[in-house]
Amino acid sequence: MAGIIDDLKRTFKQGNIVSRLIFINVAAFVLGALLSVVLGLFKVSASSFMQALYLPADLLQLLRRPWTLFTYMFLHSGAWHLLGNMLWLYWFGKLFLYFFSAKHLRGLYIVGGLLGGLLYIAAYNLFPVFHGQLYSATLVGASASVLAIAIATAVREPEYRINLMLIGQVRLKYFALFIVLFDMLYVGSNNAGGHIAHLGGALAGWWFARGISQGYDITSWVNACIDFLGGLFVKRQRKPRKPKMKVHVNNARTADYDYNANKKAQSDEIDRILEKLKKSGYSSLSDEEKRKLFEASKR
């Protein structure tokens, strides 16, 4: 068992931000399912425990469970719900990283979920049609977060083509427009809360991409908070003292010069690729240029 846990930890650490988010979502689902099985053996329902992590539409319940604004976006109501969202996260997450950084994706996942949750709460408290469901309605799922990532990618590169089964190649701008219109048309359906949250996530994705193009980042505060909290929980290990050694000044200077020269060459290459991307679009890049751009996005 210890070996399996170590393997999971190593896999998590070595993965990029997309695989880490998928890992967290799957782990949360598996733990919830295991809890349901264990409690079921004692004839105890796990729903009351899980409800404490779902986002309520009622403001009084939200005040008692404010953490649900964050926890709901990592939980799912069933295996198919989880699978659908994780496939979307995998596809659009990989594409997102061609144009933005891993920190941007991490922050937008949270911001998209928050804005989707807040719009859901506002709609259920403002519109009379939802008042009969107000006290029992809850929201769960990563859909708003994933849609934020998808829409941000479409706003950044609207002419990029994706292949859809039975349809063929479709530009991202048309795909994004279809998704948003679909959610707007089904706001009055049985899953009204989910479609409202999707619209909030889409708004977050558009806001983020527009902000980046104009010089500001709406995810910066989220990433600052995550980095701060991460620093509090990460144990700093004492590094063993290295034995004293003689350092030849000439060799050190040569190494520094070579390092700086290589770093500048890499930076110039990335700038060239980004300029080509801006002028001619993603499809104009060679496989090698796409690989270099993807590797740079993970740094």
C-alpha atoms as a PDB file:
ATOM      1  CA  MET A   1       0.000   0.000   0.000  1.00  0.00           C
ATOM      2  CA  ALA A   2       2.843   2.391   0.874  1.00  0.00           C
ATOM      3  CA  GLY A   3       4.353   1.741  -2.559  1.00  0.00           C
ATOM      4  CA  ILE A   4       1.088   2.583  -4.321  1.00  0.00           C
ATOM      5  CA  ILE A   5       0.758   5.835  -2.372  1.00  0.00           C
ATOM      6  CA  ASP A   6       4.355   6.744  -3.220  1.00  0.00           C
ATOM      7  CA  ASP A   7       3.678   6.054  -6.905  1.00  0.00           C
ATOM      8  CA  LEU A   8       0.587   8.281  -6.817  1.00  0.00           C
ATOM      9  CA  LYS A   9       2.539  11.073  -5.132  1.00  0.00           C
ATOM     10  CA  ARG A  10       5.301  10.817  -7.716  1.00  0.00           C
ATOM     11  CA  THR A  11       2.806  10.808 -10.584  1.00  0.00           C
ATOM     12  CA  PHE A  12       1.081  13.884  -9.169  1.00  0.00           C
ATOM     13  CA  LYS A  13       4.342  15.795  -8.740  1.00  0.00           C
ATOM     14  CA  GLN A  14       5.618  14.930 -12.211  1.00  0.00           C
ATOM     15  CA  GLY A  15       2.382  15.806 -14.014  1.00  0.00           C
ATOM     16  CA  ASN A  16       1.496  19.207 -15.455  1.00  0.00           C
ATOM     17  CA  ILE A  17      -1.311  21.381 -14.085  1.00  0.00           C
ATOM     18  CA  VAL A  18      -3.968  19.684 -16.257  1.00  0.00           C
ATOM     19  CA  SER A  19      -3.118  16.191 -15.026  1.00  0.00           C
ATOM     20  CA  ARG A  20      -2.928  17.467 -11.431  1.00  0.00           C
ATOM     21  CA  LEU A  21      -6.412  18.968 -11.594  1.00  0.00           C
ATOM     22  CA  ILE A  22      -7.752  15.756 -13.126  1.00  0.00           C
ATOM     23  CA  PHE A  23      -5.980  13.801 -10.380  1.00  0.00           C
ATOM     24  CA  ILE A  24      -7.626  15.939  -7.661  1.00  0.00           C
ATOM     25  CA  ASN A  25     -11.100  15.589  -9.185  1.00  0.00           C
ATOM     26  CA  VAL A  26     -10.794  11.821  -9.615  1.00  0.00           C
ATOM     27  CA  ALA A  27      -9.364  11.392  -6.103  1.00  0.00           C
ATOM     28  CA  ALA A  28     -12.232  13.401  -4.603  1.00  0.00           C
ATOM     29  CA  PHE A  29     -14.780  11.263  -6.472  1.00  0.00           C
ATOM     30  CA  VAL A  30     -13.151   7.978  -5.411  1.00  0.00           C
ATOM     31  CA  LEU A  31     -12.927   9.061  -1.769  1.00  0.00           C
ATOM     32  CA  GLY A  32     -16.594  10.101  -1.828  1.00  0.00           C
ATOM     33  CA  ALA A  33     -17.595   6.751  -3.336  1.00  0.00           C
ATOM     34  CA  LEU A  34     -15.571   4.838  -0.743  1.00  0.00           C
ATOM     35  CA  LEU A  35     -17.146   6.871   2.059  1.00  0.00           C
ATOM     36  CA  SER A  36     -20.602   6.045   0.691  1.00  0.00           C
ATOM     37  CA  VAL A  37     -19.788   2.319   0.639  1.00  0.00           C
ATOM     38  CA  VAL A  38     -18.361   2.283   4.176  1.00  0.00           C
ATOM     39  CA  LEU A  39     -21.262   4.241   5.659  1.00  0.00           C
ATOM     40  CA  GLY A  40     -23.715   2.086   3.748  1.00  0.00           C
ATOM     41  CA  LEU A  41     -22.446  -0.966   5.606  1.00  0.00           C
ATOM     42  CA  PHE A  42     -23.676   0.701   8.800  1.00  0.00           C
ATOM     43  CA  LYS A  43     -26.941   1.768   7.149  1.00  0.00           C
ATOM     44  CA  VAL A  44     -25.866   5.415   7.263  1.00  0.00           C
ATOM     45  CA  SER A  45     -26.391   7.698   4.263  1.00  0.00           C
ATOM     46  CA  ALA A  46     -23.356   9.595   2.994  1.00  0.00           C
ATOM     47  CA  SER A  47     -25.509  12.303   1.401  1.00  0.00           C
ATOM     48  CA  SER A  48     -25.465  14.498   4.511  1.00  0.00           C
ATOM     49  CA  PHE A  49     -21.663  14.460   4.508  1.00  0.00           C
ATOM     50  CA  MET A  50     -21.426  15.252   0.798  1.00  0.00           C
ATOM     51  CA  GLN A  51     -24.069  17.982   1.025  1.00  0.00           C
ATOM     52  CA  ALA A  52     -21.706  19.820   3.360  1.00  0.00           C
ATOM     53  CA  LEU A  53     -19.339  20.179   0.367  1.00  0.00           C
ATOM     54  CA  TYR A  54     -21.911  21.062  -2.335  1.00  0.00           C
ATOM     55  CA  LEU A  55     -22.696  24.716  -3.072  1.00  0.00           C
ATOM     56  CA  PRO A  56     -26.164  25.707  -1.750  1.00  0.00           C
ATOM     57  CA  ALA A  57     -28.329  28.275  -3.524  1.00  0.00           C
ATOM     58  CA  ASP A  58     -29.737  29.550  -0.214  1.00  0.00           C
ATOM     59  CA  LEU A  59     -27.685  32.421   1.243  1.00  0.00           C
ATOM     60  CA  LEU A  60     -28.225  31.397   4.873  1.00  0.00           C
ATOM     61  CA  GLN A  61     -26.900  27.912   4.148  1.00  0.00           C
ATOM     62  CA  LEU A  62     -23.962  29.458   2.279  1.00  0.00           C
ATOM     63  CA  LEU A  63     -23.080  31.588   5.313  1.00  0.00           C
ATOM     64  CA  ARG A  64     -22.875  28.400   7.370  1.00  0.00           C
ATOM     65  CA  ARG A  65     -20.807  26.613   4.694  1.00  0.00           C
ATOM     66  CA  PRO A  66     -18.723  29.276   2.887  1.00  0.00           C
ATOM     67  CA  TRP A  67     -16.063  26.723   1.908  1.00  0.00           C
ATOM     68  CA  THR A  68     -18.528  25.204  -0.553  1.00  0.00           C
ATOM     69  CA  LEU A  69     -17.744  28.018  -3.003  1.00  0.00           C
ATOM     70  CA  PHE A  70     -14.438  26.195  -3.542  1.00  0.00           C
ATOM     71  CA  THR A  71     -15.163  22.543  -2.769  1.00  0.00           C
ATOM     72  CA  TYR A  72     -18.114  22.167  -5.167  1.00  0.00           C
ATOM     73  CA  MET A  73     -15.895  22.651  -8.238  1.00  0.00           C
ATOM     74  CA  PHE A  74     -13.865  19.517  -7.421  1.00  0.00           C
ATOM     75  CA  LEU A  75     -16.833  17.190  -6.816  1.00  0.00           C
ATOM     76  CA  HIS A  76     -19.202  15.357  -9.178  1.00  0.00           C
ATOM     77  CA  SER A  77     -22.606  13.714  -8.921  1.00  0.00           C
ATOM     78  CA  GLY A  78     -21.689  10.569 -10.850  1.00  0.00           C
ATOM     79  CA  ALA A  79     -19.070   8.760 -12.922  1.00  0.00           C
ATOM     80  CA  TRP A  80     -20.389  10.055 -16.273  1.00  0.00           C
ATOM     81  CA  HIS A  81     -20.508  13.618 -14.922  1.00  0.00           C
ATOM     82  CA  LEU A  82     -16.867  13.273 -13.864  1.00  0.00           C
ATOM     83  CA  LEU A  83     -15.774  11.660 -17.124  1.00  0.00           C
ATOM     84  CA  GLY A  84     -17.360  14.351 -19.295  1.00  0.00           C
ATOM     85  CA  ASN A  85     -15.800  17.223 -17.390  1.00  0.00           C
ATOM     86  CA  MET A  86     -12.361  15.595 -17.204  1.00  0.00           C
ATOM     87  CA  LEU A  87     -12.302  14.915 -20.942  1.00  0.00           C
ATOM     88  CA  TRP A  88     -13.124  18.567 -21.602  1.00  0.00           C
ATOM     89  CA  LEU A  89     -10.469  19.637 -19.108  1.00  0.00           C
ATOM     90  CA  TYR A  90      -7.884  17.391 -20.773  1.00  0.00           C
ATOM     91  CA  TRP A  91      -8.628  18.561 -24.330  1.00  0.00           C
ATOM     92  CA  PHE A  92      -8.987  22.274 -23.703  1.00  0.00           C
ATOM     93  CA  GLY A  93      -6.421  22.330 -20.915  1.00  0.00           C
ATOM     94  CA  LYS A  94      -3.697  21.083 -23.263  1.00  0.00           C
ATOM     95  CA  LEU A  95      -4.733  23.628 -25.883  1.00  0.00           C
ATOM     96  CA  PHE A  96      -4.887  26.424 -23.293  1.00  0.00           C
ATOM     97  CA  LEU A  97      -1.251  25.755 -22.314  1.00  0.00           C
ATOM     98  CA  TYR A  98      -0.087  26.545 -25.846  1.00  0.00           C
ATOM     99  CA  PHE A  99      -1.131  30.179 -25.338  1.00  0.00           C
ATOM    100  CA  PHE A 100      -1.039  30.751 -21.567  1.00  0.00           C
ATOM    101  CA  SER A 101       0.954  29.523 -18.586  1.00  0.00           C
ATOM    102  CA  ALA A 102       0.252  26.724 -16.113  1.00  0.00           C
ATOM    103  CA  LYS A 103      -0.388  29.298 -13.376  1.00  0.00           C
ATOM    104  CA  HIS A 104      -2.952  31.004 -15.568  1.00  0.00           C
ATOM    105  CA  LEU A 105      -4.804  27.707 -15.981  1.00  0.00           C
ATOM    106  CA  ARG A 106      -4.676  26.987 -12.255  1.00  0.00           C
ATOM    107  CA  GLY A 107      -5.987  30.432 -11.395  1.00  0.00           C
ATOM    108  CA  LEU A 108      -8.668  30.452 -14.103  1.00  0.00           C
ATOM    109  CA  TYR A 109      -9.993  27.081 -12.943  1.00  0.00           C
ATOM    110  CA  ILE A 110     -10.685  28.664  -9.539  1.00  0.00           C
ATOM    111  CA  VAL A 111     -11.955  32.010 -10.873  1.00  0.00           C
ATOM    112  CA  GLY A 112     -14.252  30.266 -13.374  1.00  0.00           C
ATOM    113  CA  GLY A 113     -15.685  28.090 -10.617  1.00  0.00           C
ATOM    114  CA  LEU A 114     -16.168  31.063  -8.301  1.00  0.00           C
ATOM    115  CA  LEU A 115     -17.895  33.239 -10.895  1.00  0.00           C
ATOM    116  CA  GLY A 116     -20.068  30.318 -12.003  1.00  0.00           C
ATOM    117  CA  GLY A 117     -21.072  29.623  -8.388  1.00  0.00           C
ATOM    118  CA  LEU A 118     -21.804  33.278  -7.631  1.00  0.00           C
ATOM    119  CA  LEU A 119     -23.965  33.678 -10.746  1.00  0.00           C
ATOM    120  CA  TYR A 120     -25.838  30.501  -9.786  1.00  0.00           C
ATOM    121  CA  ILE A 121     -26.542  31.841  -6.275  1.00  0.00           C
ATOM    122  CA  ALA A 122     -27.578  35.256  -7.612  1.00  0.00           C
ATOM    123  CA  ALA A 123     -29.989  33.762 -10.164  1.00  0.00           C
ATOM    124  CA  TYR A 124     -31.700  31.478  -7.641  1.00  0.00           C
ATOM    125  CA  ASN A 125     -32.189  34.350  -5.205  1.00  0.00           C
ATOM    126  CA  LEU A 126     -33.263  36.969  -7.753  1.00  0.00           C
ATOM    127  CA  PHE A 127     -35.581  35.187 -10.178  1.00  0.00           C
ATOM    128  CA  PRO A 128     -39.002  34.134  -8.820  1.00  0.00           C
ATOM    129  CA  VAL A 129     -39.078  31.012 -11.001  1.00  0.00           C
ATOM    130  CA  PHE A 130     -36.397  29.442  -8.781  1.00  0.00           C
ATOM    131  CA  HIS A 131     -37.812  30.408  -5.377  1.00  0.00           C
ATOM    132  CA  GLY A 132     -39.597  27.080  -4.922  1.00  0.00           C
ATOM    133  CA  GLN A 133     -36.274  25.243  -5.255  1.00  0.00           C
ATOM    134  CA  LEU A 134     -34.137  27.732  -3.323  1.00  0.00           C
ATOM    135  CA  TYR A 135     -33.745  25.805  -0.063  1.00  0.00           C
ATOM    136  CA  SER A 136     -33.021  22.422  -1.633  1.00  0.00           C
ATOM    137  CA  ALA A 137     -30.947  23.391  -4.678  1.00  0.00           C
ATOM    138  CA  THR A 138     -27.211  22.656  -4.676  1.00  0.00           C
ATOM    139  CA  LEU A 139     -24.508  22.944  -7.307  1.00  0.00           C
ATOM    140  CA  VAL A 140     -21.716  20.443  -7.927  1.00  0.00           C
ATOM    141  CA  GLY A 141     -19.211  19.855 -10.718  1.00  0.00           C
ATOM    142  CA  ALA A 142     -16.228  21.365 -12.517  1.00  0.00           C
ATOM    143  CA  SER A 143     -18.236  22.475 -15.564  1.00  0.00           C
ATOM    144  CA  ALA A 144     -17.969  26.227 -14.912  1.00  0.00           C
ATOM    145  CA  SER A 145     -14.212  25.965 -14.350  1.00  0.00           C
ATOM    146  CA  VAL A 146     -13.668  23.864 -17.469  1.00  0.00           C
ATOM    147  CA  LEU A 147     -15.827  26.125 -19.618  1.00  0.00           C
ATOM    148  CA  ALA A 148     -13.819  29.140 -18.459  1.00  0.00           C
ATOM    149  CA  ILE A 149     -10.677  27.450 -19.807  1.00  0.00           C
ATOM    150  CA  ALA A 150     -12.383  26.554 -23.095  1.00  0.00           C
ATOM    151  CA  ILE A 151     -13.795  30.056 -23.696  1.00  0.00           C
ATOM    152  CA  ALA A 152     -10.499  31.745 -22.800  1.00  0.00           C
ATOM    153  CA  THR A 153      -8.755  29.596 -25.415  1.00  0.00           C
ATOM    154  CA  ALA A 154     -11.405  30.459 -28.015  1.00  0.00           C
ATOM    155  CA  VAL A 155     -11.100  34.195 -27.306  1.00  0.00           C
ATOM    156  CA  ARG A 156      -7.297  33.999 -27.542  1.00  0.00           C
ATOM    157  CA  GLU A 157      -7.229  31.975 -30.778  1.00  0.00           C
ATOM    158  CA  PRO A 158     -10.708  32.208 -32.396  1.00  0.00           C
ATOM    159  CA  GLU A 159      -9.608  30.871 -35.800  1.00  0.00           C
ATOM    160  CA  TYR A 160      -8.033  27.702 -34.438  1.00  0.00           C
ATOM    161  CA  ARG A 161      -9.776  24.603 -35.835  1.00  0.00           C
ATOM    162  CA  ILE A 162     -10.807  21.569 -33.792  1.00  0.00           C
ATOM    163  CA  ASN A 163     -12.174  18.256 -35.055  1.00  0.00           C
ATOM    164  CA  LEU A 164     -15.640  17.284 -33.845  1.00  0.00           C
ATOM    165  CA  MET A 165     -17.016  13.793 -34.330  1.00  0.00           C
ATOM    166  CA  LEU A 166     -19.583  13.576 -37.169  1.00  0.00           C
ATOM    167  CA  ILE A 167     -19.100  17.293 -37.932  1.00  0.00           C
ATOM    168  CA  GLY A 168     -15.464  17.763 -38.907  1.00  0.00           C
ATOM    169  CA  GLN A 169     -13.325  20.846 -38.416  1.00  0.00           C
ATOM    170  CA  VAL A 170     -14.890  23.784 -36.598  1.00  0.00           C
ATOM    171  CA  ARG A 171     -13.306  27.094 -35.645  1.00  0.00           C
ATOM    172  CA  LEU A 172     -13.092  27.679 -31.907  1.00  0.00           C
ATOM    173  CA  LYS A 173     -15.093  30.908 -32.097  1.00  0.00           C
ATOM    174  CA  TYR A 174     -18.119  29.081 -33.519  1.00  0.00           C
ATOM    175  CA  PHE A 175     -17.787  26.228 -31.057  1.00  0.00           C
ATOM    176  CA  ALA A 176     -17.674  28.700 -28.133  1.00  0.00           C
ATOM    177  CA  LEU A 177     -20.661  30.614 -29.501  1.00  0.00           C
ATOM    178  CA  PHE A 178     -22.679  27.395 -29.793  1.00  0.00           C
ATOM    179  CA  ILE A 179     -21.879  26.363 -26.193  1.00  0.00           C
ATOM    180  CA  VAL A 180     -22.862  29.763 -24.771  1.00  0.00           C
ATOM    181  CA  LEU A 181     -26.113  29.901 -26.794  1.00  0.00           C
ATOM    182  CA  PHE A 182     -26.947  26.334 -25.770  1.00  0.00           C
ATOM    183  CA  ASP A 183     -26.591  27.213 -22.075  1.00  0.00           C
ATOM    184  CA  MET A 184     -28.657  30.374 -22.498  1.00  0.00           C
ATOM    185  CA  LEU A 185     -31.472  28.475 -24.211  1.00  0.00           C
ATOM    186  CA  TYR A 186     -31.588  25.811 -21.487  1.00  0.00           C
ATOM    187  CA  VAL A 187     -31.547  28.119 -18.458  1.00  0.00           C
ATOM    188  CA  GLY A 188     -35.187  27.139 -17.870  1.00  0.00           C
ATOM    189  CA  SER A 189     -34.545  23.385 -18.004  1.00  0.00           C
ATOM    190  CA  ASN A 190     -34.356  20.867 -15.156  1.00  0.00           C
ATOM    191  CA  ASN A 191     -30.628  21.562 -14.884  1.00  0.00           C
ATOM    192  CA  ALA A 192     -31.055  25.342 -14.810  1.00  0.00           C
ATOM    193  CA  GLY A 193     -28.442  25.810 -12.091  1.00  0.00           C
ATOM    194  CA  GLY A 194     -25.795  23.990 -14.089  1.00  0.00           C
ATOM    195  CA  HIS A 195     -26.421  26.061 -17.232  1.00  0.00           C
ATOM    196  CA  ILE A 196     -26.348  29.302 -15.229  1.00  0.00           C
ATOM    197  CA  ALA A 197     -23.022  28.277 -13.688  1.00  0.00           C
ATOM    198  CA  HIS A 198     -21.698  27.483 -17.181  1.00  0.00           C
ATOM    199  CA  LEU A 199     -22.488  31.046 -18.253  1.00  0.00           C
ATOM    200  CA  GLY A 200     -20.589  32.367 -15.244  1.00  0.00           C
ATOM    201  CA  GLY A 201     -17.597  30.241 -16.197  1.00  0.00           C
ATOM    202  CA  ALA A 202     -17.805  31.427 -19.805  1.00  0.00           C
ATOM    203  CA  LEU A 203     -17.853  35.033 -18.593  1.00  0.00           C
ATOM    204  CA  ALA A 204     -14.736  34.371 -16.505  1.00  0.00           C
ATOM    205  CA  GLY A 205     -12.931  32.875 -19.511  1.00  0.00           C
ATOM    206  CA  TRP A 206     -13.805  35.854 -21.734  1.00  0.00           C
ATOM    207  CA  TRP A 207     -12.824  38.312 -18.982  1.00  0.00           C
ATOM    208  CA  PHE A 208      -9.481  36.588 -18.437  1.00  0.00           C
ATOM    209  CA  ALA A 209      -8.491  36.445 -22.128  1.00  0.00           C
ATOM    210  CA  ARG A 210      -9.524  40.060 -22.734  1.00  0.00           C
ATOM    211  CA  GLY A 211      -7.675  41.148 -19.615  1.00  0.00           C
ATOM    212  CA  ILE A 212      -4.447  39.418 -20.641  1.00  0.00           C
ATOM    213  CA  SER A 213      -4.585  41.111 -24.046  1.00  0.00           C
ATOM    214  CA  GLN A 214      -4.972  44.471 -22.299  1.00  0.00           C
ATOM    215  CA  GLY A 215      -2.237  43.932 -19.717  1.00  0.00           C
ATOM    216  CA  TYR A 216      -3.998  42.734 -16.565  1.00  0.00           C
ATOM    217  CA  ASP A 217      -4.548  39.286 -15.114  1.00  0.00           C
ATOM    218  CA  ILE A 218      -7.724  38.464 -13.154  1.00  0.00           C
ATOM    219  CA  THR A 219      -6.127  35.263 -11.830  1.00  0.00           C
ATOM    220  CA  SER A 220      -3.132  36.942 -10.155  1.00  0.00           C
ATOM    221  CA  TRP A 221      -4.797  37.227  -6.733  1.00  0.00           C
ATOM    222  CA  VAL A 222      -5.827  33.563  -6.769  1.00  0.00           C
ATOM    223  CA  ASN A 223      -2.324  32.418  -7.660  1.00  0.00           C
ATOM    224  CA  ALA A 224      -0.838  34.681  -4.997  1.00  0.00           C
ATOM    225  CA  CYS A 225      -3.133  33.110  -2.378  1.00  0.00           C
ATOM    226  CA  ILE A 226      -2.337  29.561  -3.532  1.00  0.00           C
ATOM    227  CA  ASP A 227       1.402  30.234  -3.487  1.00  0.00           C
ATOM    228  CA  PHE A 228       1.163  31.770  -0.017  1.00  0.00           C
ATOM    229  CA  LEU A 229      -0.854  28.875   1.400  1.00  0.00           C
ATOM    230  CA  GLY A 230       1.407  26.370  -0.314  1.00  0.00           C
ATOM    231  CA  GLY A 231       4.417  27.978   1.304  1.00  0.00           C
ATOM    232  CA  LEU A 232       2.842  27.566   4.745  1.00  0.00           C
ATOM    233  CA  PHE A 233       2.276  23.826   4.364  1.00  0.00           C
ATOM    234  CA  VAL A 234       5.408  22.800   2.508  1.00  0.00           C
ATOM    235  CA  LYS A 235       8.040  21.571   4.903  1.00  0.00           C
ATOM    236  CA  ARG A 236      11.383  23.066   4.192  1.00  0.00           C
ATOM    237  CA  GLN A 237      13.981  20.366   4.435  1.00  0.00           C
ATOM    238  CA  ARG A 238      17.400  21.270   5.682  1.00  0.00           C
ATOM    239  CA  LYS A 239      19.949  20.796   3.012  1.00  0.00           C
ATOM    240  CA  PRO A 240      23.134  18.981   4.108  1.00  0.00           C
ATOM    241  CA  ARG A 241      26.190  21.129   4.298  1.00  0.00           C
ATOM    242  CA  LYS A 242      28.322  20.813   1.264  1.00  0.00           C
ATOM    243  CA  PRO A 243      32.035  20.332   1.834  1.00  0.00           C
ATOM    244  CA  LYS A 244      34.122  23.349   1.149  1.00  0.00           C
ATOM    245  CA  MET A 245      35.707  23.263  -2.242  1.00  0.00           C
ATOM    246  CA  LYS A 246      37.914  25.442  -4.229  1.00  0.00           C
ATOM    247  CA  VAL A 247      36.276  27.337  -7.027  1.00  0.00           C
ATOM    248  CA  HIS A 248      38.223  28.478 -10.012  1.00  0.00           C
ATOM    249  CA  VAL A 249      37.019  31.961 -10.901  1.00  0.00           C
ATOM    250  CA  ASN A 250      37.681  31.618 -14.603  1.00  0.00           C
ATOM    251  CA  ASN A 251      35.626  28.384 -14.843  1.00  0.00           C
ATOM    252  CA  ALA A 252      32.750  29.929 -12.873  1.00  0.00           C
ATOM    253  CA  ARG A 253      32.668  32.964 -15.120  1.00  0.00           C
ATOM    254  CA  THR A 254      32.719  30.773 -18.206  1.00  0.00           C
ATOM    255  CA  ALA A 255      29.836  28.670 -16.885  1.00  0.00           C
ATOM    256  CA  ASP A 256      27.790  31.780 -16.067  1.00  0.00           C
ATOM    257  CA  TYR A 257      28.440  33.196 -19.510  1.00  0.00           C
ATOM    258  CA  ASP A 258      27.383  29.966 -21.250  1.00  0.00           C
ATOM    259  CA  TYR A 259      24.247  29.695 -19.086  1.00  0.00           C
ATOM    260  CA  ASN A 260      23.178  33.283 -19.787  1.00  0.00           C
ATOM    261  CA  ALA A 261      23.890  32.889 -23.493  1.00  0.00           C
ATOM    262  CA  ASN A 262      21.794  29.704 -23.716  1.00  0.00           C
ATOM    263  CA  LYS A 263      18.960  31.293 -21.734  1.00  0.00           C
ATOM    264  CA  LYS A 264      18.918  34.342 -24.010  1.00  0.00           C
ATOM    265  CA  ALA A 265      18.898  32.140 -27.110  1.00  0.00           C
ATOM    266  CA  GLN A 266      15.912  30.182 -25.772  1.00  0.00           C
ATOM    267  CA  SER A 267      14.084  33.402 -24.913  1.00  0.00           C
ATOM    268  CA  ASP A 268      14.724  34.831 -28.385  1.00  0.00           C
ATOM    269  CA  GLU A 269      13.410  31.614 -29.965  1.00  0.00           C
ATOM    270  CA  ILE A 270      10.186  31.723 -27.915  1.00  0.00           C
ATOM    271  CA  ASP A 271       9.699  35.407 -28.822  1.00  0.00           C
ATOM    272  CA  ARG A 272      10.103  34.497 -32.496  1.00  0.00           C
ATOM    273  CA  ILE A 273       7.543  31.679 -32.232  1.00  0.00           C
ATOM    274  CA  LEU A 274       5.045  33.921 -30.410  1.00  0.00           C
ATOM    275  CA  GLU A 275       5.420  36.608 -33.071  1.00  0.00           C
ATOM    276  CA  LYS A 276       4.789  34.010 -35.788  1.00  0.00           C
ATOM    277  CA  LEU A 277       1.772  32.738 -33.833  1.00  0.00           C
ATOM    278  CA  LYS A 278       0.385  36.271 -33.579  1.00  0.00           C
ATOM    279  CA  LYS A 279       0.797  36.989 -37.298  1.00  0.00           C
ATOM    280  CA  SER A 280      -0.109  33.643 -38.888  1.00  0.00           C
ATOM    281  CA  GLY A 281      -2.006  31.641 -36.255  1.00  0.00           C
ATOM    282  CA  TYR A 282      -1.328  28.388 -34.469  1.00  0.00           C
ATOM    283  CA  SER A 283      -1.676  26.220 -37.569  1.00  0.00           C
ATOM    284  CA  SER A 284       1.380  27.910 -39.150  1.00  0.00           C
ATOM    285  CA  LEU A 285       3.727  26.534 -36.483  1.00  0.00           C
ATOM    286  CA  SER A 286       5.871  23.472 -37.131  1.00  0.00           C
ATOM    287  CA  ASP A 287       5.754  20.471 -34.806  1.00  0.00           C
ATOM    288  CA  GLU A 288       9.094  21.507 -33.311  1.00  0.00           C
ATOM    289  CA  GLU A 289       7.868  25.056 -32.693  1.00  0.00           C
ATOM    290  CA  LYS A 290       4.694  23.725 -31.038  1.00  0.00           C
ATOM    291  CA  ARG A 291       6.820  21.499 -28.804  1.00  0.00           C
ATOM    292  CA  LYS A 292       9.060  24.386 -27.754  1.00  0.00           C
ATOM    293  CA  LEU A 293       6.036  26.589 -27.040  1.00  0.00           C
ATOM    294  CA  PHE A 294       4.389  23.846 -24.963  1.00  0.00           C
ATOM    295  CA  GLU A 295       7.567  23.253 -22.928  1.00  0.00           C
ATOM    296  CA  ALA A 296       7.954  26.991 -22.317  1.00  0.00           C
ATOM    297  CA  SER A 297       4.357  27.198 -21.036  1.00  0.00           C
ATOM    298  CA  LYS A 298       5.154  24.674 -18.288  1.00  0.00           C
ATOM    299  CA  ARG A 299       8.071  26.667 -16.829  1.00  0.00           C
END
